[in-house]
Amino acid sequence: MKTVCIALQELAEGLGIRAVARIHGVEPDTVLDWLKKAGRHCRMLSEYMMQELNVTQVQMDELWTFVRKKERMLKEWEKLHSE
């Protein structure tokens, strides 16, 4: 379990799936399985926690989006306000 948590932290920090697999001596498919299980767990937790919320404002600080092939980065609010 500790290995899986460390591997997920490494992925979150930007390491690739193959790099994480090499570090831990496992196949890339194993790392993908860990990532998929963690994703399912996150989805279930979010669905459970994010119910019946009465939200009047949403703050979107530091939200970035890649746009087209130029990969020009725009803040999400800039993108939304350009339409």
PDB file of N, CA and C in Angstrom:
ATOM      1  N   MET A   1       0.828  -1.195   0.000  1.00  0.00           N
ATOM      2  CA  MET A   1       0.000   0.000   0.000  1.00  0.00           C
ATOM      3  C   MET A   1       0.870   1.255   0.000  1.00  0.00           C
ATOM      4  N   LYS A   2       1.964   1.238   0.767  1.00  0.00           N
ATOM      5  CA  LYS A   2       2.851   2.391   0.826  1.00  0.00           C
ATOM      6  C   LYS A   2       3.445   2.683  -0.555  1.00  0.00           C
ATOM      7  N   THR A   3       3.814   1.633  -1.281  1.00  0.00           N
ATOM      8  CA  THR A   3       4.372   1.797  -2.628  1.00  0.00           C
ATOM      9  C   THR A   3       3.366   2.471  -3.549  1.00  0.00           C
ATOM     10  N   VAL A   4       2.115   2.068  -3.465  1.00  0.00           N
ATOM     11  CA  VAL A   4       1.070   2.643  -4.313  1.00  0.00           C
ATOM     12  C   VAL A   4       0.894   4.127  -3.992  1.00  0.00           C
ATOM     13  N   CYS A   5       0.867   4.481  -2.726  1.00  0.00           N
ATOM     14  CA  CYS A   5       0.719   5.891  -2.333  1.00  0.00           C
ATOM     15  C   CYS A   5       1.887   6.727  -2.830  1.00  0.00           C
ATOM     16  N   ILE A   6       3.092   6.205  -2.703  1.00  0.00           N
ATOM     17  CA  ILE A   6       4.267   6.934  -3.178  1.00  0.00           C
ATOM     18  C   ILE A   6       4.206   7.079  -4.699  1.00  0.00           C
ATOM     19  N   ALA A   7       3.817   6.015  -5.384  1.00  0.00           N
ATOM     20  CA  ALA A   7       3.716   6.065  -6.842  1.00  0.00           C
ATOM     21  C   ALA A   7       2.681   7.097  -7.281  1.00  0.00           C
ATOM     22  N   LEU A   8       1.556   7.172  -6.593  1.00  0.00           N
ATOM     23  CA  LEU A   8       0.532   8.156  -6.933  1.00  0.00           C
ATOM     24  C   LEU A   8       1.029   9.579  -6.683  1.00  0.00           C
ATOM     25  N   GLN A   9       1.808   9.769  -5.635  1.00  0.00           N
ATOM     26  CA  GLN A   9       2.409  11.082  -5.377  1.00  0.00           C
ATOM     27  C   GLN A   9       3.378  11.451  -6.498  1.00  0.00           C
ATOM     28  N   GLU A  10       4.156  10.488  -6.944  1.00  0.00           N
ATOM     29  CA  GLU A  10       5.106  10.734  -8.037  1.00  0.00           C
ATOM     30  C   GLU A  10       4.370  11.114  -9.319  1.00  0.00           C
ATOM     31  N   LEU A  11       3.271  10.435  -9.606  1.00  0.00           N
ATOM     32  CA  LEU A  11       2.470  10.780 -10.776  1.00  0.00           C
ATOM     33  C   LEU A  11       1.897  12.187 -10.650  1.00  0.00           C
ATOM     34  N   ALA A  12       1.430  12.532  -9.456  1.00  0.00           N
ATOM     35  CA  ALA A  12       0.869  13.861  -9.222  1.00  0.00           C
ATOM     36  C   ALA A  12       1.930  14.948  -9.389  1.00  0.00           C
ATOM     37  N   GLU A  13       3.181  14.610  -9.117  1.00  0.00           N
ATOM     38  CA  GLU A  13       4.282  15.568  -9.264  1.00  0.00           C
ATOM     39  C   GLU A  13       4.779  15.669 -10.702  1.00  0.00           C
ATOM     40  N   GLY A  14       4.219  14.838 -11.581  1.00  0.00           N
ATOM     41  CA  GLY A  14       4.560  14.970 -12.994  1.00  0.00           C
ATOM     42  C   GLY A  14       5.419  13.871 -13.578  1.00  0.00           C
ATOM     43  N   LEU A  15       5.808  12.874 -12.787  1.00  0.00           N
ATOM     44  CA  LEU A  15       6.563  11.767 -13.358  1.00  0.00           C
ATOM     45  C   LEU A  15       5.659  10.964 -14.281  1.00  0.00           C
ATOM     46  N   GLY A  16       6.229  10.402 -15.301  1.00  0.00           N
ATOM     47  CA  GLY A  16       5.470   9.595 -16.237  1.00  0.00           C
ATOM     48  C   GLY A  16       5.201   8.200 -15.695  1.00  0.00           C
ATOM     49  N   ILE A  17       4.273   7.536 -16.336  1.00  0.00           N
ATOM     50  CA  ILE A  17       3.893   6.180 -15.912  1.00  0.00           C
ATOM     51  C   ILE A  17       5.073   5.225 -16.033  1.00  0.00           C
ATOM     52  N   ARG A  18       5.806   5.317 -17.127  1.00  0.00           N
ATOM     53  CA  ARG A  18       6.960   4.417 -17.305  1.00  0.00           C
ATOM     54  C   ARG A  18       8.051   4.692 -16.271  1.00  0.00           C
ATOM     55  N   ALA A  19       8.285   5.964 -15.970  1.00  0.00           N
ATOM     56  CA  ALA A  19       9.299   6.308 -14.974  1.00  0.00           C
ATOM     57  C   ALA A  19       8.917   5.759 -13.602  1.00  0.00           C
ATOM     58  N   VAL A  20       7.671   5.911 -13.231  1.00  0.00           N
ATOM     59  CA  VAL A  20       7.198   5.391 -11.941  1.00  0.00           C
ATOM     60  C   VAL A  20       7.331   3.871 -11.912  1.00  0.00           C
ATOM     61  N   ALA A  21       7.002   3.232 -13.019  1.00  0.00           N
ATOM     62  CA  ALA A  21       7.122   1.769 -13.093  1.00  0.00           C
ATOM     63  C   ALA A  21       8.577   1.337 -12.907  1.00  0.00           C
ATOM     64  N   ARG A  22       9.500   2.023 -13.556  1.00  0.00           N
ATOM     65  CA  ARG A  22      10.927   1.684 -13.403  1.00  0.00           C
ATOM     66  C   ARG A  22      11.386   1.869 -11.960  1.00  0.00           C
ATOM     67  N   ILE A  23      11.000   2.979 -11.346  1.00  0.00           N
ATOM     68  CA  ILE A  23      11.413   3.262  -9.970  1.00  0.00           C
ATOM     69  C   ILE A  23      10.974   2.149  -9.023  1.00  0.00           C
ATOM     70  N   HIS A  24       9.763   1.629  -9.221  1.00  0.00           N
ATOM     71  CA  HIS A  24       9.200   0.645  -8.288  1.00  0.00           C
ATOM     72  C   HIS A  24       9.337  -0.799  -8.766  1.00  0.00           C
ATOM     73  N   GLY A  25       9.947  -0.970  -9.931  1.00  0.00           N
ATOM     74  CA  GLY A  25      10.187  -2.325 -10.425  1.00  0.00           C
ATOM     75  C   GLY A  25       8.930  -3.076 -10.803  1.00  0.00           C
ATOM     76  N   VAL A  26       7.966  -2.348 -11.371  1.00  0.00           N
ATOM     77  CA  VAL A  26       6.713  -2.983 -11.805  1.00  0.00           C
ATOM     78  C   VAL A  26       6.467  -2.631 -13.273  1.00  0.00           C
ATOM     79  N   GLU A  27       5.483  -3.271 -13.860  1.00  0.00           N
ATOM     80  CA  GLU A  27       5.111  -2.986 -15.243  1.00  0.00           C
ATOM     81  C   GLU A  27       4.306  -1.690 -15.320  1.00  0.00           C
ATOM     82  N   PRO A  28       4.401  -0.967 -16.427  1.00  0.00           N
ATOM     83  CA  PRO A  28       3.574   0.237 -16.593  1.00  0.00           C
ATOM     84  C   PRO A  28       2.083  -0.037 -16.445  1.00  0.00           C
ATOM     85  N   ASP A  29       1.634  -1.209 -16.879  1.00  0.00           N
ATOM     86  CA  ASP A  29       0.217  -1.560 -16.732  1.00  0.00           C
ATOM     87  C   ASP A  29      -0.194  -1.621 -15.256  1.00  0.00           C
ATOM     88  N   THR A  30       0.728  -2.032 -14.396  1.00  0.00           N
ATOM     89  CA  THR A  30       0.445  -2.073 -12.955  1.00  0.00           C
ATOM     90  C   THR A  30       0.233  -0.664 -12.425  1.00  0.00           C
ATOM     91  N   VAL A  31       1.090   0.265 -12.848  1.00  0.00           N
ATOM     92  CA  VAL A  31       0.946   1.664 -12.423  1.00  0.00           C
ATOM     93  C   VAL A  31      -0.371   2.225 -12.943  1.00  0.00           C
ATOM     94  N   LEU A  32      -0.734   1.892 -14.178  1.00  0.00           N
ATOM     95  CA  LEU A  32      -2.024   2.328 -14.728  1.00  0.00           C
ATOM     96  C   LEU A  32      -3.184   1.783 -13.919  1.00  0.00           C
ATOM     97  N   ASP A  33      -3.094   0.528 -13.498  1.00  0.00           N
ATOM     98  CA  ASP A  33      -4.148  -0.058 -12.657  1.00  0.00           C
ATOM     99  C   ASP A  33      -4.272   0.693 -11.334  1.00  0.00           C
ATOM    100  N   TRP A  34      -3.135   1.032 -10.727  1.00  0.00           N
ATOM    101  CA  TRP A  34      -3.160   1.808  -9.481  1.00  0.00           C
ATOM    102  C   TRP A  34      -3.848   3.146  -9.703  1.00  0.00           C
ATOM    103  N   LEU A  35      -3.491   3.788 -10.814  1.00  0.00           N
ATOM    104  CA  LEU A  35      -4.047   5.103 -11.126  1.00  0.00           C
ATOM    105  C   LEU A  35      -5.556   5.024 -11.375  1.00  0.00           C
ATOM    106  N   LYS A  36      -5.988   3.998 -12.091  1.00  0.00           N
ATOM    107  CA  LYS A  36      -7.423   3.822 -12.351  1.00  0.00           C
ATOM    108  C   LYS A  36      -8.201   3.577 -11.058  1.00  0.00           C
ATOM    109  N   LYS A  37      -7.646   2.732 -10.173  1.00  0.00           N
ATOM    110  CA  LYS A  37      -8.314   2.467  -8.891  1.00  0.00           C
ATOM    111  C   LYS A  37      -8.400   3.734  -8.052  1.00  0.00           C
ATOM    112  N   ALA A  38      -7.317   4.506  -8.034  1.00  0.00           N
ATOM    113  CA  ALA A  38      -7.319   5.757  -7.276  1.00  0.00           C
ATOM    114  C   ALA A  38      -8.342   6.731  -7.865  1.00  0.00           C
ATOM    115  N   GLY A  39      -8.433   6.772  -9.183  1.00  0.00           N
ATOM    116  CA  GLY A  39      -9.410   7.641  -9.843  1.00  0.00           C
ATOM    117  C   GLY A  39     -10.837   7.255  -9.502  1.00  0.00           C
ATOM    118  N   ARG A  40     -11.114   5.954  -9.500  1.00  0.00           N
ATOM    119  CA  ARG A  40     -12.462   5.492  -9.137  1.00  0.00           C
ATOM    120  C   ARG A  40     -12.781   5.861  -7.689  1.00  0.00           C
ATOM    121  N   HIS A  41     -11.793   5.686  -6.817  1.00  0.00           N
ATOM    122  CA  HIS A  41     -11.990   6.028  -5.407  1.00  0.00           C
ATOM    123  C   HIS A  41     -12.271   7.529  -5.260  1.00  0.00           C
ATOM    124  N   CYS A  42     -11.512   8.354  -5.966  1.00  0.00           N
ATOM    125  CA  CYS A  42     -11.721   9.810  -5.911  1.00  0.00           C
ATOM    126  C   CYS A  42     -13.112  10.181  -6.420  1.00  0.00           C
ATOM    127  N   ARG A  43     -13.532   9.541  -7.507  1.00  0.00           N
ATOM    128  CA  ARG A  43     -14.864   9.825  -8.049  1.00  0.00           C
ATOM    129  C   ARG A  43     -15.945   9.460  -7.037  1.00  0.00           C
ATOM    130  N   MET A  44     -15.827   8.286  -6.427  1.00  0.00           N
ATOM    131  CA  MET A  44     -16.827   7.860  -5.442  1.00  0.00           C
ATOM    132  C   MET A  44     -16.852   8.799  -4.239  1.00  0.00           C
ATOM    133  N   LEU A  45     -15.674   9.201  -3.767  1.00  0.00           N
ATOM    134  CA  LEU A  45     -15.598  10.115  -2.629  1.00  0.00           C
ATOM    135  C   LEU A  45     -16.210  11.470  -2.990  1.00  0.00           C
ATOM    136  N   SER A  46     -15.907  11.972  -4.185  1.00  0.00           N
ATOM    137  CA  SER A  46     -16.468  13.257  -4.614  1.00  0.00           C
ATOM    138  C   SER A  46     -17.986  13.183  -4.728  1.00  0.00           C
ATOM    139  N   GLU A  47     -18.490  12.103  -5.307  1.00  0.00           N
ATOM    140  CA  GLU A  47     -19.940  11.952  -5.442  1.00  0.00           C
ATOM    141  C   GLU A  47     -20.615  11.896  -4.069  1.00  0.00           C
ATOM    142  N   TYR A  48     -19.959  11.274  -3.106  1.00  0.00           N
ATOM    143  CA  TYR A  48     -20.505  11.174  -1.757  1.00  0.00           C
ATOM    144  C   TYR A  48     -20.471  12.531  -1.041  1.00  0.00           C
ATOM    145  N   MET A  49     -19.344  13.230  -1.161  1.00  0.00           N
ATOM    146  CA  MET A  49     -19.149  14.479  -0.418  1.00  0.00           C
ATOM    147  C   MET A  49     -19.840  15.683  -1.062  1.00  0.00           C
ATOM    148  N   MET A  50     -19.989  15.678  -2.365  1.00  0.00           N
ATOM    149  CA  MET A  50     -20.479  16.861  -3.075  1.00  0.00           C
ATOM    150  C   MET A  50     -21.973  16.754  -3.374  1.00  0.00           C
ATOM    151  N   GLN A  51     -22.757  16.580  -2.337  1.00  0.00           N
ATOM    152  CA  GLN A  51     -24.204  16.483  -2.498  1.00  0.00           C
ATOM    153  C   GLN A  51     -24.888  17.614  -1.750  1.00  0.00           C
ATOM    154  N   GLU A  52     -25.967  18.083  -2.331  1.00  0.00           N
ATOM    155  CA  GLU A  52     -26.809  19.099  -1.707  1.00  0.00           C
ATOM    156  C   GLU A  52     -26.009  20.302  -1.207  1.00  0.00           C
ATOM    157  N   LEU A  53     -25.135  20.806  -2.054  1.00  0.00           N
ATOM    158  CA  LEU A  53     -24.355  21.984  -1.707  1.00  0.00           C
ATOM    159  C   LEU A  53     -25.111  23.236  -2.137  1.00  0.00           C
ATOM    160  N   ASN A  54     -25.189  24.200  -1.274  1.00  0.00           N
ATOM    161  CA  ASN A  54     -25.803  25.482  -1.612  1.00  0.00           C
ATOM    162  C   ASN A  54     -24.679  26.484  -1.836  1.00  0.00           C
ATOM    163  N   VAL A  55     -24.225  26.559  -3.074  1.00  0.00           N
ATOM    164  CA  VAL A  55     -23.083  27.395  -3.421  1.00  0.00           C
ATOM    165  C   VAL A  55     -23.569  28.633  -4.165  1.00  0.00           C
ATOM    166  N   THR A  56     -23.128  29.798  -3.711  1.00  0.00           N
ATOM    167  CA  THR A  56     -23.508  31.035  -4.395  1.00  0.00           C
ATOM    168  C   THR A  56     -22.360  31.595  -5.222  1.00  0.00           C
ATOM    169  N   GLN A  57     -21.122  31.222  -4.892  1.00  0.00           N
ATOM    170  CA  GLN A  57     -19.959  31.674  -5.642  1.00  0.00           C
ATOM    171  C   GLN A  57     -18.959  30.537  -5.749  1.00  0.00           C
ATOM    172  N   VAL A  58     -18.216  30.552  -6.854  1.00  0.00           N
ATOM    173  CA  VAL A  58     -17.142  29.587  -7.051  1.00  0.00           C
ATOM    174  C   VAL A  58     -15.880  30.360  -7.366  1.00  0.00           C
ATOM    175  N   GLN A  59     -14.811  30.090  -6.662  1.00  0.00           N
ATOM    176  CA  GLN A  59     -13.541  30.766  -6.892  1.00  0.00           C
ATOM    177  C   GLN A  59     -12.659  29.855  -7.743  1.00  0.00           C
ATOM    178  N   MET A  60     -12.136  30.391  -8.839  1.00  0.00           N
ATOM    179  CA  MET A  60     -11.372  29.575  -9.785  1.00  0.00           C
ATOM    180  C   MET A  60      -9.937  30.080  -9.911  1.00  0.00           C
ATOM    181  N   ASP A  61      -9.295  30.373  -8.816  1.00  0.00           N
ATOM    182  CA  ASP A  61      -7.905  30.829  -8.835  1.00  0.00           C
ATOM    183  C   ASP A  61      -6.995  29.737  -9.381  1.00  0.00           C
ATOM    184  N   GLU A  62      -5.993  30.168 -10.108  1.00  0.00           N
ATOM    185  CA  GLU A  62      -4.931  29.284 -10.577  1.00  0.00           C
ATOM    186  C   GLU A  62      -5.414  28.147 -11.469  1.00  0.00           C
ATOM    187  N   LEU A  63      -6.548  28.304 -12.122  1.00  0.00           N
ATOM    188  CA  LEU A  63      -7.034  27.277 -13.037  1.00  0.00           C
ATOM    189  C   LEU A  63      -6.533  27.619 -14.435  1.00  0.00           C
ATOM    190  N   TRP A  64      -5.739  26.731 -15.006  1.00  0.00           N
ATOM    191  CA  TRP A  64      -5.137  26.979 -16.313  1.00  0.00           C
ATOM    192  C   TRP A  64      -5.666  25.972 -17.327  1.00  0.00           C
ATOM    193  N   THR A  65      -5.684  26.388 -18.578  1.00  0.00           N
ATOM    194  CA  THR A  65      -6.150  25.521 -19.651  1.00  0.00           C
ATOM    195  C   THR A  65      -5.191  25.618 -20.830  1.00  0.00           C
ATOM    196  N   PHE A  66      -4.892  24.495 -21.444  1.00  0.00           N
ATOM    197  CA  PHE A  66      -4.124  24.518 -22.680  1.00  0.00           C
ATOM    198  C   PHE A  66      -5.087  24.741 -23.841  1.00  0.00           C
ATOM    199  N   VAL A  67      -4.702  25.624 -24.758  1.00  0.00           N
ATOM    200  CA  VAL A  67      -5.570  25.960 -25.878  1.00  0.00           C
ATOM    201  C   VAL A  67      -4.869  25.614 -27.182  1.00  0.00           C
ATOM    202  N   ARG A  68      -5.518  24.793 -27.966  1.00  0.00           N
ATOM    203  CA  ARG A  68      -5.055  24.391 -29.300  1.00  0.00           C
ATOM    204  C   ARG A  68      -3.630  23.865 -29.296  1.00  0.00           C
ATOM    205  N   LYS A  69      -3.061  23.719 -30.474  1.00  0.00           N
ATOM    206  CA  LYS A  69      -1.725  23.160 -30.602  1.00  0.00           C
ATOM    207  C   LYS A  69      -0.633  24.095 -30.111  1.00  0.00           C
ATOM    208  N   LYS A  70      -0.908  25.384 -30.087  1.00  0.00           N
ATOM    209  CA  LYS A  70       0.098  26.348 -29.632  1.00  0.00           C
ATOM    210  C   LYS A  70       0.366  26.205 -28.145  1.00  0.00           C
ATOM    211  N   GLU A  71      -0.505  25.506 -27.431  1.00  0.00           N
ATOM    212  CA  GLU A  71      -0.401  25.296 -25.991  1.00  0.00           C
ATOM    213  C   GLU A  71      -0.232  26.619 -25.252  1.00  0.00           C
ATOM    214  N   ARG A  72      -0.907  27.627 -25.778  1.00  0.00           N
ATOM    215  CA  ARG A  72      -0.888  28.923 -25.095  1.00  0.00           C
ATOM    216  C   ARG A  72      -1.741  28.798 -23.841  1.00  0.00           C
ATOM    217  N   MET A  73      -1.190  29.191 -22.714  1.00  0.00           N
ATOM    218  CA  MET A  73      -1.918  29.027 -21.463  1.00  0.00           C
ATOM    219  C   MET A  73      -2.732  30.277 -21.159  1.00  0.00           C
ATOM    220  N   LEU A  74      -3.984  30.055 -20.827  1.00  0.00           N
ATOM    221  CA  LEU A  74      -4.875  31.142 -20.447  1.00  0.00           C
ATOM    222  C   LEU A  74      -5.489  30.818 -19.104  1.00  0.00           C
ATOM    223  N   LYS A  75      -5.693  31.825 -18.320  1.00  0.00           N
ATOM    224  CA  LYS A  75      -6.461  31.605 -17.105  1.00  0.00           C
ATOM    225  C   LYS A  75      -7.891  31.312 -17.523  1.00  0.00           C
ATOM    226  N   GLU A  76      -8.554  30.438 -16.798  1.00  0.00           N
ATOM    227  CA  GLU A  76      -9.901  30.011 -17.174  1.00  0.00           C
ATOM    228  C   GLU A  76     -10.850  31.202 -17.300  1.00  0.00           C
ATOM    229  N   TRP A  77     -10.727  32.177 -16.436  1.00  0.00           N
ATOM    230  CA  TRP A  77     -11.635  33.321 -16.516  1.00  0.00           C
ATOM    231  C   TRP A  77     -11.407  34.109 -17.792  1.00  0.00           C
ATOM    232  N   GLU A  78     -10.179  34.145 -18.295  1.00  0.00           N
ATOM    233  CA  GLU A  78      -9.909  34.829 -19.563  1.00  0.00           C
ATOM    234  C   GLU A  78     -10.607  34.089 -20.703  1.00  0.00           C
ATOM    235  N   LYS A  79     -10.535  32.779 -20.652  1.00  0.00           N
ATOM    236  CA  LYS A  79     -11.174  31.956 -21.672  1.00  0.00           C
ATOM    237  C   LYS A  79     -12.693  32.152 -21.643  1.00  0.00           C
ATOM    238  N   LEU A  80     -13.269  32.130 -20.466  1.00  0.00           N
ATOM    239  CA  LEU A  80     -14.716  32.273 -20.339  1.00  0.00           C
ATOM    240  C   LEU A  80     -15.189  33.648 -20.789  1.00  0.00           C
ATOM    241  N   HIS A  81     -14.406  34.679 -20.499  1.00  0.00           N
ATOM    242  CA  HIS A  81     -14.816  36.036 -20.825  1.00  0.00           C
ATOM    243  C   HIS A  81     -14.540  36.411 -22.277  1.00  0.00           C
ATOM    244  N   SER A  82     -13.821  35.558 -22.999  1.00  0.00           N
ATOM    245  CA  SER A  82     -13.523  35.877 -24.391  1.00  0.00           C
ATOM    246  C   SER A  82     -14.668  35.505 -25.320  1.00  0.00           C
ATOM    247  N   GLU A  83     -15.625  34.758 -24.826  1.00  0.00           N
ATOM    248  CA  GLU A  83     -16.748  34.314 -25.667  1.00  0.00           C
ATOM    249  C   GLU A  83     -17.824  35.361 -25.800  1.00  0.00           C
TER     250      GLU A  83
END
